Protein backbone atom coordinates (compact mmCIF):
# COMPACT_ATOMS: atom_id res chain seq x y z
CA UNK A 1 0.06 0.11 -0.03
CA UNK A 2 1.51 3.24 -1.00
CA UNK A 3 0.63 6.16 1.09
CA UNK A 4 -0.58 9.25 -0.91
CA UNK A 5 -0.20 12.73 1.50
CA UNK A 6 -1.75 15.49 -0.26
CA UNK A 7 -2.63 19.09 0.26
CA UNK A 8 -4.01 19.86 4.18
CA UNK A 9 -3.09 16.44 4.90
CA UNK A 10 0.18 16.44 3.84
CA UNK A 11 0.98 19.91 5.43
CA UNK A 12 -0.80 19.05 8.82
CA UNK A 13 1.77 15.50 9.29
CA UNK A 14 4.94 17.69 7.89
CA UNK A 15 3.82 20.22 10.62
CA UNK A 16 3.63 17.78 13.56
CA UNK A 17 7.36 15.92 12.51
CA UNK A 18 8.88 19.27 12.44
CA UNK A 19 7.35 20.37 15.73
CA UNK A 20 8.35 16.93 17.11
CA UNK A 21 11.93 17.69 15.52
CA UNK A 22 12.04 20.80 17.13
CA UNK A 23 11.15 19.19 20.37
CA UNK A 24 13.54 16.33 20.35
CA UNK A 25 16.42 19.15 19.81
CA UNK A 26 15.35 21.07 22.58
CA UNK A 27 15.10 18.09 24.59
CA UNK A 28 18.94 17.44 23.55
CA UNK A 29 19.90 20.77 24.25
CA UNK A 30 18.17 20.79 27.77
CA UNK A 31 20.19 17.35 28.69
CA UNK A 32 23.82 19.20 27.55
CA UNK A 33 22.97 22.11 29.29
CA UNK A 34 22.11 19.72 32.65
CA UNK A 35 18.65 20.83 32.94
CA UNK A 36 15.92 20.03 34.85
CA UNK A 37 14.72 16.87 34.82
CA UNK A 38 11.45 17.64 35.15
CA UNK A 39 11.52 19.80 32.35
CA UNK A 40 13.75 17.61 30.00
CA UNK A 41 10.41 15.34 30.54
CA UNK A 42 7.84 17.26 30.37
CA UNK A 43 9.55 18.72 26.48
CA UNK A 44 9.87 14.76 26.04
CA UNK A 45 6.37 13.71 26.33
CA UNK A 46 5.38 16.91 24.23
CA UNK A 47 8.04 15.26 21.02
CA UNK A 48 6.42 11.71 21.66
CA UNK A 49 2.83 13.10 21.53
CA UNK A 50 3.50 15.21 18.48
CA UNK A 51 4.86 12.31 17.00
CA UNK A 52 2.15 9.86 18.13
CA UNK A 53 -0.16 12.44 16.66
CA UNK A 54 1.68 12.22 13.21
CA UNK A 55 1.50 8.64 13.23
CA UNK A 56 -2.09 8.61 13.60
CA UNK A 57 -2.86 11.10 10.68
CA UNK A 58 -0.62 8.88 8.60
CA UNK A 59 -2.84 5.56 9.39
CA UNK A 60 -5.95 8.09 8.92
CA UNK A 61 -5.01 8.67 5.49
CA UNK A 62 -3.72 4.74 5.05
CA UNK A 63 -7.30 3.66 6.26
CA UNK A 64 -9.38 5.90 3.93
CA UNK A 65 -7.10 5.23 1.25
CA UNK A 66 -7.33 1.23 1.41
CA UNK A 67 -11.35 1.65 1.74
CA UNK A 68 -10.73 3.70 -1.37
CA UNK A 69 -9.00 0.84 -2.89
CA UNK A 70 -11.41 -1.80 -1.37
CA UNK A 71 -14.83 0.31 -3.31
CA UNK A 72 -12.61 0.59 -6.36
CA UNK A 73 -11.33 -3.38 -6.70
CA UNK A 74 -8.44 -4.12 -4.16
CA UNK A 75 -5.04 -3.35 -5.15
CA UNK A 76 -2.62 -6.71 -5.50
CA UNK A 77 -5.66 -8.75 -5.42
CA UNK A 78 -5.28 -8.33 -1.67
CA UNK A 79 -8.56 -9.78 -0.13
CA UNK A 80 -10.12 -7.74 2.88
CA UNK A 81 -8.82 -9.53 5.65
CA UNK A 82 -5.37 -9.34 4.69
CA UNK A 83 -5.60 -5.65 4.64
CA UNK A 84 -7.81 -5.11 7.84
CA UNK A 85 -4.66 -7.00 9.38
CA UNK A 86 -1.94 -5.12 8.22
CA UNK A 87 -4.12 -1.56 9.17
CA UNK A 88 -4.49 -3.34 12.19
CA UNK A 89 -0.66 -4.16 12.96
CA UNK A 90 0.29 -0.46 11.91
CA UNK A 91 -2.16 1.25 14.38
CA UNK A 92 -0.94 -1.38 17.15
CA UNK A 93 2.57 -0.18 16.35
CA UNK A 94 1.79 3.31 17.65
CA UNK A 95 -0.44 2.10 20.60
């Protein structure tokens, strides 16, 4: 299954990933500067949430594409159960 992000979906995912990238850079800088543990963990949690949200947005787009594929006659001969199993595995990888 190829992921096709376009327009607003692409922009939202990229923004979330860039936000996480900045937060991770901040965490590294905070550790190097010997900052307070609570501040570091708070920033790390924010980065983790940003990555989770980007991942869920990607999965949601994948679900939409799979549903469209199912309506138009499955791609690559993959049956509904196999597609569902792959999507479930992807979803659970973020849980």
